[in-house]
Every structure is written in structure tokens, then in C-alpha cells.
PDB file of N, CA and C in Angstrom:
ATOM      1  N   MET A   1      37.123 -13.634   9.240  1.00  0.00           N
ATOM      2  CA  MET A   1      36.048 -14.547   8.922  1.00  0.00           C
ATOM      3  C   MET A   1      35.491 -14.191   7.537  1.00  0.00           C
ATOM      4  N   GLN A   2      35.277 -15.190   6.715  1.00  0.00           N
ATOM      5  CA  GLN A   2      34.780 -14.971   5.358  1.00  0.00           C
ATOM      6  C   GLN A   2      33.257 -14.993   5.359  1.00  0.00           C
ATOM      7  N   LYS A   3      32.681 -14.033   4.671  1.00  0.00           N
ATOM      8  CA  LYS A   3      31.228 -13.947   4.593  1.00  0.00           C
ATOM      9  C   LYS A   3      30.722 -14.906   3.522  1.00  0.00           C
ATOM     10  N   SER A   4      29.773 -15.745   3.870  1.00  0.00           N
ATOM     11  CA  SER A   4      29.216 -16.709   2.930  1.00  0.00           C
ATOM     12  C   SER A   4      28.010 -16.092   2.227  1.00  0.00           C
ATOM     13  N   SER A   5      27.871 -16.384   0.963  1.00  0.00           N
ATOM     14  CA  SER A   5      26.755 -15.860   0.194  1.00  0.00           C
ATOM     15  C   SER A   5      26.159 -16.971  -0.663  1.00  0.00           C
ATOM     16  N   LEU A   6      24.852 -16.966  -0.776  1.00  0.00           N
ATOM     17  CA  LEU A   6      24.186 -17.940  -1.636  1.00  0.00           C
ATOM     18  C   LEU A   6      24.387 -17.612  -3.107  1.00  0.00           C
ATOM     19  N   LEU A   7      24.564 -16.337  -3.399  1.00  0.00           N
ATOM     20  CA  LEU A   7      24.702 -15.905  -4.786  1.00  0.00           C
ATOM     21  C   LEU A   7      26.165 -15.918  -5.202  1.00  0.00           C
ATOM     22  N   LYS A   8      26.529 -16.833  -6.061  1.00  0.00           N
ATOM     23  CA  LYS A   8      27.903 -16.923  -6.557  1.00  0.00           C
ATOM     24  C   LYS A   8      28.076 -16.162  -7.863  1.00  0.00           C
ATOM     25  N   SER A   9      27.006 -16.101  -8.671  1.00  0.00           N
ATOM     26  CA  SER A   9      27.064 -15.363  -9.928  1.00  0.00           C
ATOM     27  C   SER A   9      25.646 -14.983 -10.342  1.00  0.00           C
ATOM     28  N   ALA A  10      25.553 -14.014 -11.236  1.00  0.00           N
ATOM     29  CA  ALA A  10      24.240 -13.578 -11.713  1.00  0.00           C
ATOM     30  C   ALA A  10      23.557 -14.675 -12.521  1.00  0.00           C
ATOM     31  N   GLN A  11      24.340 -15.548 -13.149  1.00  0.00           N
ATOM     32  CA  GLN A  11      23.759 -16.626 -13.947  1.00  0.00           C
ATOM     33  C   GLN A  11      23.051 -17.648 -13.058  1.00  0.00           C
ATOM     34  N   ALA A  12      23.347 -17.637 -11.748  1.00  0.00           N
ATOM     35  CA  ALA A  12      22.681 -18.551 -10.818  1.00  0.00           C
ATOM     36  C   ALA A  12      21.265 -18.074 -10.497  1.00  0.00           C
ATOM     37  N   LEU A  13      20.949 -16.832 -10.842  1.00  0.00           N
ATOM     38  CA  LEU A  13      19.614 -16.285 -10.577  1.00  0.00           C
ATOM     39  C   LEU A  13      18.672 -16.608 -11.727  1.00  0.00           C
ATOM     40  N   ARG A  14      17.577 -17.273 -11.432  1.00  0.00           N
ATOM     41  CA  ARG A  14      16.552 -17.578 -12.436  1.00  0.00           C
ATOM     42  C   ARG A  14      15.278 -16.848 -12.021  1.00  0.00           C
ATOM     43  N   PRO A  15      14.958 -15.725 -12.654  1.00  0.00           N
ATOM     44  CA  PRO A  15      13.747 -14.985 -12.279  1.00  0.00           C
ATOM     45  C   PRO A  15      12.493 -15.838 -12.453  1.00  0.00           C
ATOM     46  N   LEU A  16      11.493 -15.549 -11.642  1.00  0.00           N
ATOM     47  CA  LEU A  16      10.217 -16.247 -11.718  1.00  0.00           C
ATOM     48  C   LEU A  16       9.208 -15.414 -12.491  1.00  0.00           C
ATOM     49  N   PHE A  17       8.189 -16.082 -12.996  1.00  0.00           N
ATOM     50  CA  PHE A  17       7.067 -15.452 -13.694  1.00  0.00           C
ATOM     51  C   PHE A  17       7.550 -14.540 -14.811  1.00  0.00           C
ATOM     52  N   ASP A  18       7.135 -13.262 -14.807  1.00  0.00           N
ATOM     53  CA  ASP A  18       7.487 -12.352 -15.902  1.00  0.00           C
ATOM     54  C   ASP A  18       8.579 -11.364 -15.495  1.00  0.00           C
ATOM     55  N   ARG A  19       9.430 -11.767 -14.575  1.00  0.00           N
ATOM     56  CA  ARG A  19      10.495 -10.872 -14.122  1.00  0.00           C
ATOM     57  C   ARG A  19      11.726 -10.999 -15.024  1.00  0.00           C
ATOM     58  N   VAL A  20      12.484  -9.886 -15.078  1.00  0.00           N
ATOM     59  CA  VAL A  20      13.652  -9.795 -15.949  1.00  0.00           C
ATOM     60  C   VAL A  20      14.820  -9.249 -15.129  1.00  0.00           C
ATOM     61  N   LEU A  21      15.957  -9.948 -15.140  1.00  0.00           N
ATOM     62  CA  LEU A  21      17.163  -9.507 -14.446  1.00  0.00           C
ATOM     63  C   LEU A  21      18.032  -8.751 -15.439  1.00  0.00           C
ATOM     64  N   VAL A  22      18.381  -7.501 -15.103  1.00  0.00           N
ATOM     65  CA  VAL A  22      19.174  -6.663 -16.007  1.00  0.00           C
ATOM     66  C   VAL A  22      20.370  -6.074 -15.265  1.00  0.00           C
ATOM     67  N   GLN A  23      21.347  -5.644 -16.044  1.00  0.00           N
ATOM     68  CA  GLN A  23      22.485  -4.912 -15.500  1.00  0.00           C
ATOM     69  C   GLN A  23      22.613  -3.622 -16.289  1.00  0.00           C
ATOM     70  N   ARG A  24      22.607  -2.505 -15.556  1.00  0.00           N
ATOM     71  CA  ARG A  24      22.734  -1.202 -16.220  1.00  0.00           C
ATOM     72  C   ARG A  24      24.063  -1.109 -16.957  1.00  0.00           C
ATOM     73  N   LEU A  25      24.054  -0.392 -18.087  1.00  0.00           N
ATOM     74  CA  LEU A  25      25.294  -0.132 -18.813  1.00  0.00           C
ATOM     75  C   LEU A  25      26.128   0.830 -17.976  1.00  0.00           C
ATOM     76  N   LYS A  26      27.425   0.678 -18.043  1.00  0.00           N
ATOM     77  CA  LYS A  26      28.339   1.520 -17.268  1.00  0.00           C
ATOM     78  C   LYS A  26      28.448   2.894 -17.930  1.00  0.00           C
ATOM     79  N   PRO A  27      28.385   3.969 -17.135  1.00  0.00           N
ATOM     80  CA  PRO A  27      28.540   5.317 -17.702  1.00  0.00           C
ATOM     81  C   PRO A  27      29.987   5.570 -18.105  1.00  0.00           C
ATOM     82  N   ALA A  28      30.172   6.535 -18.972  1.00  0.00           N
ATOM     83  CA  ALA A  28      31.516   6.893 -19.427  1.00  0.00           C
ATOM     84  C   ALA A  28      32.329   7.424 -18.247  1.00  0.00           C
ATOM     85  N   THR A  29      33.575   6.987 -18.135  1.00  0.00           N
ATOM     86  CA  THR A  29      34.440   7.451 -17.047  1.00  0.00           C
ATOM     87  C   THR A  29      35.424   8.517 -17.526  1.00  0.00           C
ATOM     88  N   LYS A  30      35.483   8.707 -18.855  1.00  0.00           N
ATOM     89  CA  LYS A  30      36.369   9.718 -19.441  1.00  0.00           C
ATOM     90  C   LYS A  30      35.587  10.548 -20.449  1.00  0.00           C
ATOM     91  N   THR A  31      36.012  11.781 -20.606  1.00  0.00           N
ATOM     92  CA  THR A  31      35.441  12.625 -21.661  1.00  0.00           C
ATOM     93  C   THR A  31      36.130  12.277 -22.975  1.00  0.00           C
ATOM     94  N   ALA A  32      35.638  12.841 -24.065  1.00  0.00           N
ATOM     95  CA  ALA A  32      36.231  12.585 -25.381  1.00  0.00           C
ATOM     96  C   ALA A  32      37.685  13.056 -25.435  1.00  0.00           C
ATOM     97  N   SER A  33      38.020  14.088 -24.646  1.00  0.00           N
ATOM     98  CA  SER A  33      39.394  14.600 -24.645  1.00  0.00           C
ATOM     99  C   SER A  33      40.306  13.867 -23.667  1.00  0.00           C
ATOM    100  N   GLY A  34      39.757  12.882 -22.926  1.00  0.00           N
ATOM    101  CA  GLY A  34      40.591  12.063 -22.054  1.00  0.00           C
ATOM    102  C   GLY A  34      40.566  12.437 -20.585  1.00  0.00           C
ATOM    103  N   LEU A  35      39.757  13.415 -20.203  1.00  0.00           N
ATOM    104  CA  LEU A  35      39.661  13.794 -18.794  1.00  0.00           C
ATOM    105  C   LEU A  35      38.773  12.801 -18.053  1.00  0.00           C
ATOM    106  N   TYR A  36      39.175  12.446 -16.837  1.00  0.00           N
ATOM    107  CA  TYR A  36      38.375  11.527 -16.025  1.00  0.00           C
ATOM    108  C   TYR A  36      37.198  12.258 -15.396  1.00  0.00           C
ATOM    109  N   ILE A  37      36.036  11.608 -15.412  1.00  0.00           N
ATOM    110  CA  ILE A  37      34.825  12.182 -14.822  1.00  0.00           C
ATOM    111  C   ILE A  37      34.686  11.615 -13.417  1.00  0.00           C
ATOM    112  N   PRO A  38      34.565  12.474 -12.386  1.00  0.00           N
ATOM    113  CA  PRO A  38      34.385  11.962 -11.018  1.00  0.00           C
ATOM    114  C   PRO A  38      33.127  11.087 -10.926  1.00  0.00           C
ATOM    115  N   GLU A  39      33.180  10.060 -10.099  1.00  0.00           N
ATOM    116  CA  GLU A  39      32.081   9.100 -10.006  1.00  0.00           C
ATOM    117  C   GLU A  39      30.760   9.775  -9.648  1.00  0.00           C
ATOM    118  N   LYS A  40      30.794  10.775  -8.767  1.00  0.00           N
ATOM    119  CA  LYS A  40      29.545  11.431  -8.369  1.00  0.00           C
ATOM    120  C   LYS A  40      28.937  12.261  -9.497  1.00  0.00           C
ATOM    121  N   ASN A  41      29.730  12.613 -10.514  1.00  0.00           N
ATOM    122  CA  ASN A  41      29.236  13.398 -11.646  1.00  0.00           C
ATOM    123  C   ASN A  41      28.860  12.544 -12.847  1.00  0.00           C
ATOM    124  N   GLN A  42      29.102  11.228 -12.768  1.00  0.00           N
ATOM    125  CA  GLN A  42      28.738  10.357 -13.880  1.00  0.00           C
ATOM    126  C   GLN A  42      27.232  10.172 -13.895  1.00  0.00           C
ATOM    127  N   GLU A  43      26.657  10.298 -15.066  1.00  0.00           N
ATOM    128  CA  GLU A  43      25.203  10.150 -15.151  1.00  0.00           C
ATOM    129  C   GLU A  43      24.805   8.682 -15.065  1.00  0.00           C
ATOM    130  N   LYS A  44      23.642   8.455 -14.490  1.00  0.00           N
ATOM    131  CA  LYS A  44      23.115   7.100 -14.347  1.00  0.00           C
ATOM    132  C   LYS A  44      22.342   6.778 -15.625  1.00  0.00           C
ATOM    133  N   LEU A  45      22.844   5.823 -16.381  1.00  0.00           N
ATOM    134  CA  LEU A  45      22.211   5.480 -17.656  1.00  0.00           C
ATOM    135  C   LEU A  45      20.939   4.675 -17.433  1.00  0.00           C
ATOM    136  N   ASN A  46      19.951   4.909 -18.280  1.00  0.00           N
ATOM    137  CA  ASN A  46      18.708   4.130 -18.181  1.00  0.00           C
ATOM    138  C   ASN A  46      18.670   3.036 -19.247  1.00  0.00           C
ATOM    139  N   GLN A  47      19.847   2.599 -19.667  1.00  0.00           N
ATOM    140  CA  GLN A  47      19.952   1.479 -20.600  1.00  0.00           C
ATOM    141  C   GLN A  47      20.592   0.309 -19.869  1.00  0.00           C
ATOM    142  N   ALA A  48      20.172  -0.898 -20.234  1.00  0.00           N
ATOM    143  CA  ALA A  48      20.685  -2.084 -19.553  1.00  0.00           C
ATOM    144  C   ALA A  48      20.742  -3.266 -20.512  1.00  0.00           C
ATOM    145  N   THR A  49      21.466  -4.289 -20.086  1.00  0.00           N
ATOM    146  CA  THR A  49      21.537  -5.550 -20.806  1.00  0.00           C
ATOM    147  C   THR A  49      20.764  -6.588 -20.014  1.00  0.00           C
ATOM    148  N   VAL A  50      19.925  -7.367 -20.702  1.00  0.00           N
ATOM    149  CA  VAL A  50      19.154  -8.423 -20.047  1.00  0.00           C
ATOM    150  C   VAL A  50      20.101  -9.581 -19.741  1.00  0.00           C
ATOM    151  N   ILE A  51      20.114 -10.019 -18.481  1.00  0.00           N
ATOM    152  CA  ILE A  51      20.954 -11.133 -18.048  1.00  0.00           C
ATOM    153  C   ILE A  51      20.167 -12.439 -18.111  1.00  0.00           C
ATOM    154  N   SER A  52      18.963 -12.445 -17.551  1.00  0.00           N
ATOM    155  CA  SER A  52      18.106 -13.634 -17.604  1.00  0.00           C
ATOM    156  C   SER A  52      16.651 -13.222 -17.436  1.00  0.00           C
ATOM    157  N   THR A  53      15.753 -14.116 -17.840  1.00  0.00           N
ATOM    158  CA  THR A  53      14.318 -13.833 -17.773  1.00  0.00           C
ATOM    159  C   THR A  53      13.575 -15.023 -17.173  1.00  0.00           C
ATOM    160  N   GLY A  54      12.401 -14.724 -16.657  1.00  0.00           N
ATOM    161  CA  GLY A  54      11.514 -15.786 -16.209  1.00  0.00           C
ATOM    162  C   GLY A  54      10.781 -16.365 -17.403  1.00  0.00           C
ATOM    163  N   PRO A  55      10.011 -17.450 -17.192  1.00  0.00           N
ATOM    164  CA  PRO A  55       9.315 -18.101 -18.309  1.00  0.00           C
ATOM    165  C   PRO A  55       8.128 -17.301 -18.834  1.00  0.00           C
ATOM    166  N   GLY A  56       7.553 -16.443 -18.025  1.00  0.00           N
ATOM    167  CA  GLY A  56       6.373 -15.677 -18.419  1.00  0.00           C
ATOM    168  C   GLY A  56       5.301 -15.794 -17.361  1.00  0.00           C
ATOM    169  N   ILE A  57       4.168 -15.230 -17.646  1.00  0.00           N
ATOM    170  CA  ILE A  57       3.052 -15.240 -16.695  1.00  0.00           C
ATOM    171  C   ILE A  57       1.877 -15.980 -17.320  1.00  0.00           C
ATOM    172  N   THR A  58       1.102 -16.661 -16.501  1.00  0.00           N
ATOM    173  CA  THR A  58      -0.029 -17.440 -16.995  1.00  0.00           C
ATOM    174  C   THR A  58      -1.270 -16.562 -17.102  1.00  0.00           C
ATOM    175  N   ASN A  59      -1.918 -16.601 -18.255  1.00  0.00           N
ATOM    176  CA  ASN A  59      -3.165 -15.882 -18.469  1.00  0.00           C
ATOM    177  C   ASN A  59      -4.242 -16.548 -17.624  1.00  0.00           C
ATOM    178  N   ALA A  60      -4.933 -15.780 -16.794  1.00  0.00           N
ATOM    179  CA  ALA A  60      -5.921 -16.328 -15.860  1.00  0.00           C
ATOM    180  C   ALA A  60      -7.129 -16.935 -16.569  1.00  0.00           C
ATOM    181  N   THR A  61      -7.509 -16.412 -17.726  1.00  0.00           N
ATOM    182  CA  THR A  61      -8.702 -16.920 -18.399  1.00  0.00           C
ATOM    183  C   THR A  61      -8.424 -18.109 -19.311  1.00  0.00           C
ATOM    184  N   THR A  62      -7.292 -18.086 -20.026  1.00  0.00           N
ATOM    185  CA  THR A  62      -7.029 -19.165 -20.981  1.00  0.00           C
ATOM    186  C   THR A  62      -6.067 -20.220 -20.435  1.00  0.00           C
ATOM    187  N   GLY A  63      -5.287 -19.850 -19.416  1.00  0.00           N
ATOM    188  CA  GLY A  63      -4.315 -20.791 -18.859  1.00  0.00           C
ATOM    189  C   GLY A  63      -3.037 -20.886 -19.666  1.00  0.00           C
ATOM    190  N   GLN A  64      -2.908 -20.104 -20.726  1.00  0.00           N
ATOM    191  CA  GLN A  64      -1.696 -20.131 -21.551  1.00  0.00           C
ATOM    192  C   GLN A  64      -0.620 -19.243 -20.926  1.00  0.00           C
ATOM    193  N   VAL A  65       0.627 -19.657 -21.104  1.00  0.00           N
ATOM    194  CA  VAL A  65       1.746 -18.861 -20.614  1.00  0.00           C
ATOM    195  C   VAL A  65       2.068 -17.769 -21.636  1.00  0.00           C
ATOM    196  N   ILE A  66       2.096 -16.536 -21.164  1.00  0.00           N
ATOM    197  CA  ILE A  66       2.472 -15.399 -22.010  1.00  0.00           C
ATOM    198  C   ILE A  66       3.958 -15.151 -21.765  1.00  0.00           C
ATOM    199  N   PRO A  67       4.825 -15.428 -22.751  1.00  0.00           N
ATOM    200  CA  PRO A  67       6.269 -15.291 -22.531  1.00  0.00           C
ATOM    201  C   PRO A  67       6.685 -13.827 -22.383  1.00  0.00           C
ATOM    202  N   VAL A  68       7.843 -13.609 -21.762  1.00  0.00           N
ATOM    203  CA  VAL A  68       8.372 -12.253 -21.639  1.00  0.00           C
ATOM    204  C   VAL A  68       8.787 -11.761 -23.020  1.00  0.00           C
ATOM    205  N   SER A  69       8.846 -10.446 -23.177  1.00  0.00           N
ATOM    206  CA  SER A  69       9.088  -9.866 -24.500  1.00  0.00           C
ATOM    207  C   SER A  69      10.564  -9.632 -24.816  1.00  0.00           C
ATOM    208  N   VAL A  70      11.456  -9.948 -23.889  1.00  0.00           N
ATOM    209  CA  VAL A  70      12.890  -9.773 -24.125  1.00  0.00           C
ATOM    210  C   VAL A  70      13.610 -11.088 -23.865  1.00  0.00           C
ATOM    211  N   ALA A  71      14.855 -11.164 -24.327  1.00  0.00           N
ATOM    212  CA  ALA A  71      15.671 -12.374 -24.152  1.00  0.00           C
ATOM    213  C   ALA A  71      17.037 -11.975 -23.603  1.00  0.00           C
ATOM    214  N   PRO A  72      17.740 -12.907 -22.973  1.00  0.00           N
ATOM    215  CA  PRO A  72      19.087 -12.590 -22.484  1.00  0.00           C
ATOM    216  C   PRO A  72      19.967 -12.042 -23.610  1.00  0.00           C
ATOM    217  N   GLY A  73      20.699 -10.983 -23.296  1.00  0.00           N
ATOM    218  CA  GLY A  73      21.561 -10.338 -24.284  1.00  0.00           C
ATOM    219  C   GLY A  73      20.939  -9.113 -24.919  1.00  0.00           C
ATOM    220  N   ASP A  74      19.601  -8.967 -24.835  1.00  0.00           N
ATOM    221  CA  ASP A  74      18.934  -7.800 -25.409  1.00  0.00           C
ATOM    222  C   ASP A  74      19.322  -6.534 -24.646  1.00  0.00           C
ATOM    223  N   LYS A  75      19.391  -5.417 -25.364  1.00  0.00           N
ATOM    224  CA  LYS A  75      19.587  -4.105 -24.750  1.00  0.00           C
ATOM    225  C   LYS A  75      18.199  -3.493 -24.569  1.00  0.00           C
ATOM    226  N   VAL A  76      17.935  -2.942 -23.374  1.00  0.00           N
ATOM    227  CA  VAL A  76      16.614  -2.403 -23.082  1.00  0.00           C
ATOM    228  C   VAL A  76      16.716  -1.007 -22.481  1.00  0.00           C
ATOM    229  N   LEU A  77      15.602  -0.293 -22.541  1.00  0.00           N
ATOM    230  CA  LEU A  77      15.471   1.033 -21.958  1.00  0.00           C
ATOM    231  C   LEU A  77      14.661   0.891 -20.676  1.00  0.00           C
ATOM    232  N   LEU A  78      15.201   1.400 -19.565  1.00  0.00           N
ATOM    233  CA  LEU A  78      14.566   1.260 -18.255  1.00  0.00           C
ATOM    234  C   LEU A  78      13.933   2.569 -17.811  1.00  0.00           C
ATOM    235  N   PRO A  79      12.939   2.497 -16.920  1.00  0.00           N
ATOM    236  CA  PRO A  79      12.429   3.731 -16.325  1.00  0.00           C
ATOM    237  C   PRO A  79      13.511   4.339 -15.436  1.00  0.00           C
ATOM    238  N   SER A  80      13.394   5.629 -15.135  1.00  0.00           N
ATOM    239  CA  SER A  80      14.438   6.299 -14.357  1.00  0.00           C
ATOM    240  C   SER A  80      14.438   5.872 -12.890  1.00  0.00           C
ATOM    241  N   PHE A  81      13.394   5.208 -12.449  1.00  0.00           N
ATOM    242  CA  PHE A  81      13.356   4.698 -11.077  1.00  0.00           C
ATOM    243  C   PHE A  81      12.672   3.339 -11.077  1.00  0.00           C
ATOM    244  N   GLY A  82      12.802   2.627  -9.974  1.00  0.00           N
ATOM    245  CA  GLY A  82      12.144   1.330  -9.846  1.00  0.00           C
ATOM    246  C   GLY A  82      13.123   0.182  -9.959  1.00  0.00           C
ATOM    247  N   GLY A  83      12.602  -1.013  -9.965  1.00  0.00           N
ATOM    248  CA  GLY A  83      13.422  -2.211 -10.004  1.00  0.00           C
ATOM    249  C   GLY A  83      13.909  -2.576  -8.609  1.00  0.00           C
ATOM    250  N   ASN A  84      14.138  -3.845  -8.400  1.00  0.00           N
ATOM    251  CA  ASN A  84      14.667  -4.319  -7.127  1.00  0.00           C
ATOM    252  C   ASN A  84      16.152  -4.578  -7.279  1.00  0.00           C
ATOM    253  N   PRO A  85      16.993  -3.842  -6.527  1.00  0.00           N
ATOM    254  CA  PRO A  85      18.433  -4.044  -6.661  1.00  0.00           C
ATOM    255  C   PRO A  85      18.883  -5.366  -6.039  1.00  0.00           C
ATOM    256  N   ILE A  86      19.811  -6.044  -6.712  1.00  0.00           N
ATOM    257  CA  ILE A  86      20.390  -7.297  -6.231  1.00  0.00           C
ATOM    258  C   ILE A  86      21.891  -7.170  -6.397  1.00  0.00           C
ATOM    259  N   LYS A  87      22.632  -7.424  -5.327  1.00  0.00           N
ATOM    260  CA  LYS A  87      24.088  -7.311  -5.374  1.00  0.00           C
ATOM    261  C   LYS A  87      24.701  -8.704  -5.390  1.00  0.00           C
ATOM    262  N   VAL A  88      25.569  -8.949  -6.359  1.00  0.00           N
ATOM    263  CA  VAL A  88      26.305 -10.206  -6.471  1.00  0.00           C
ATOM    264  C   VAL A  88      27.778  -9.833  -6.512  1.00  0.00           C
ATOM    265  N   GLY A  89      28.498 -10.079  -5.422  1.00  0.00           N
ATOM    266  CA  GLY A  89      29.890  -9.645  -5.334  1.00  0.00           C
ATOM    267  C   GLY A  89      29.938  -8.131  -5.368  1.00  0.00           C
ATOM    268  N   ASP A  90      30.702  -7.575  -6.291  1.00  0.00           N
ATOM    269  CA  ASP A  90      30.792  -6.120  -6.442  1.00  0.00           C
ATOM    270  C   ASP A  90      29.835  -5.596  -7.497  1.00  0.00           C
ATOM    271  N   GLU A  91      29.154  -6.485  -8.200  1.00  0.00           N
ATOM    272  CA  GLU A  91      28.251  -6.096  -9.291  1.00  0.00           C
ATOM    273  C   GLU A  91      26.838  -5.874  -8.770  1.00  0.00           C
ATOM    274  N   GLU A  92      26.137  -4.906  -9.363  1.00  0.00           N
ATOM    275  CA  GLU A  92      24.744  -4.659  -8.994  1.00  0.00           C
ATOM    276  C   GLU A  92      23.843  -4.923 -10.192  1.00  0.00           C
ATOM    277  N   PHE A  93      22.753  -5.626  -9.936  1.00  0.00           N
ATOM    278  CA  PHE A  93      21.764  -5.974 -10.950  1.00  0.00           C
ATOM    279  C   PHE A  93      20.420  -5.456 -10.484  1.00  0.00           C
ATOM    280  N   LEU A  94      19.468  -5.383 -11.406  1.00  0.00           N
ATOM    281  CA  LEU A  94      18.111  -4.949 -11.083  1.00  0.00           C
ATOM    282  C   LEU A  94      17.123  -5.985 -11.586  1.00  0.00           C
ATOM    283  N   LEU A  95      16.071  -6.186 -10.822  1.00  0.00           N
ATOM    284  CA  LEU A  95      15.017  -7.120 -11.197  1.00  0.00           C
ATOM    285  C   LEU A  95      13.759  -6.306 -11.482  1.00  0.00           C
ATOM    286  N   PHE A  96      13.292  -6.367 -12.718  1.00  0.00           N
ATOM    287  CA  PHE A  96      12.094  -5.646 -13.152  1.00  0.00           C
ATOM    288  C   PHE A  96      11.033  -6.633 -13.596  1.00  0.00           C
ATOM    289  N   SER A  97       9.786  -6.208 -13.535  1.00  0.00           N
ATOM    290  CA  SER A  97       8.710  -6.950 -14.170  1.00  0.00           C
ATOM    291  C   SER A  97       8.794  -6.639 -15.664  1.00  0.00           C
ATOM    292  N   ASP A  98       8.417  -7.579 -16.513  1.00  0.00           N
ATOM    293  CA  ASP A  98       8.480  -7.387 -17.961  1.00  0.00           C
ATOM    294  C   ASP A  98       7.724  -6.133 -18.394  1.00  0.00           C
ATOM    295  N   LYS A  99       6.591  -5.869 -17.790  1.00  0.00           N
ATOM    296  CA  LYS A  99       5.777  -4.716 -18.205  1.00  0.00           C
ATOM    297  C   LYS A  99       6.385  -3.381 -17.776  1.00  0.00           C
ATOM    298  N   GLU A 100       7.374  -3.383 -16.864  1.00  0.00           N
ATOM    299  CA  GLU A 100       8.020  -2.143 -16.437  1.00  0.00           C
ATOM    300  C   GLU A 100       9.106  -1.688 -17.420  1.00  0.00           C
ATOM    301  N   ILE A 101       9.620  -2.600 -18.229  1.00  0.00           N
ATOM    302  CA  ILE A 101      10.658  -2.257 -19.201  1.00  0.00           C
ATOM    303  C   ILE A 101      10.023  -1.423 -20.301  1.00  0.00           C
ATOM    304  N   LEU A 102      10.649  -0.288 -20.603  1.00  0.00           N
ATOM    305  CA  LEU A 102      10.046   0.680 -21.533  1.00  0.00           C
ATOM    306  C   LEU A 102      10.175   0.282 -22.997  1.00  0.00           C
ATOM    307  N   ALA A 103      11.342  -0.216 -23.392  1.00  0.00           N
ATOM    308  CA  ALA A 103      11.550  -0.529 -24.810  1.00  0.00           C
ATOM    309  C   ALA A 103      12.739  -1.453 -24.975  1.00  0.00           C
ATOM    310  N   LYS A 104      12.759  -2.131 -26.113  1.00  0.00           N
ATOM    311  CA  LYS A 104      13.908  -2.952 -26.513  1.00  0.00           C
ATOM    312  C   LYS A 104      14.686  -2.118 -27.522  1.00  0.00           C
ATOM    313  N   ILE A 105      16.006  -2.049 -27.346  1.00  0.00           N
ATOM    314  CA  ILE A 105      16.843  -1.233 -28.226  1.00  0.00           C
ATOM    315  C   ILE A 105      17.387  -2.127 -29.339  1.00  0.00           C
ATOM    316  N   GLU A 106      17.007  -1.817 -30.567  1.00  0.00           N
ATOM    317  CA  GLU A 106      17.486  -2.547 -31.735  1.00  0.00           C
ATOM    318  C   GLU A 106      18.763  -1.891 -32.228  1.00  0.00           C
ATOM    319  N   GLU A 107      19.772  -2.674 -32.515  1.00  0.00           N
ATOM    320  CA  GLU A 107      21.051  -2.110 -33.001  1.00  0.00           C
ATOM    321  C   GLU A 107      21.243  -2.386 -34.463  1.00  0.00           C
TER     322      GLU A 107
END
């Protein structure tokens, strides 16, 4: 029996309010000399790529929408814990509030 899922792809997810959907960067699987690093010894990177963002949050006093500070494709620095994990197929994504993201990485 095939398991049905509402989530077909990460692009189908549209975060609400000031939430940001990110995917962590993959850790290195080989050393510089070509040795494979076991999965349990690979470090968990706190860098991610923004997949999609919500429109922003409404200011309670002025009624204006305050947009999120990142855009899809941006590289960001994440806290070492937190975020809501979302699994789409074999891929894992995280949903953070805009204010939880530590920094935008400029290249």
C-alpha cells in the first residue's frame, strides 16, 4: 500500500506571517584527503538556505505589514537549536520565525 502525503515538494509550502522555511546545508561527507566521514561523526551545520518566506507580520499599532528580512535563496545562520522540523519525502526542512534567524550570510 502506498502512503499518501499532502506535501509533494517544499515549494508547495507557503509559510504564514513572519515564518521562514529553510534547509540546512549538507555537512562534508569526505575529508580533504578523501576519507569518508561516518554519518554519526558529521557535524550539524548551523547554516541554511531559505526556501520560502511568509509575507510578514502586521504591526498592531500602525496596521502596516513588516516584511521578513530574508528572501528565498539567501544563506542564513541559524541558532544551534529550535525550529519546527518538516519532512518532505527524504528531505528535511525547518520552519523558523524571522526573528529567530541569527544573521544573513553575504557572499
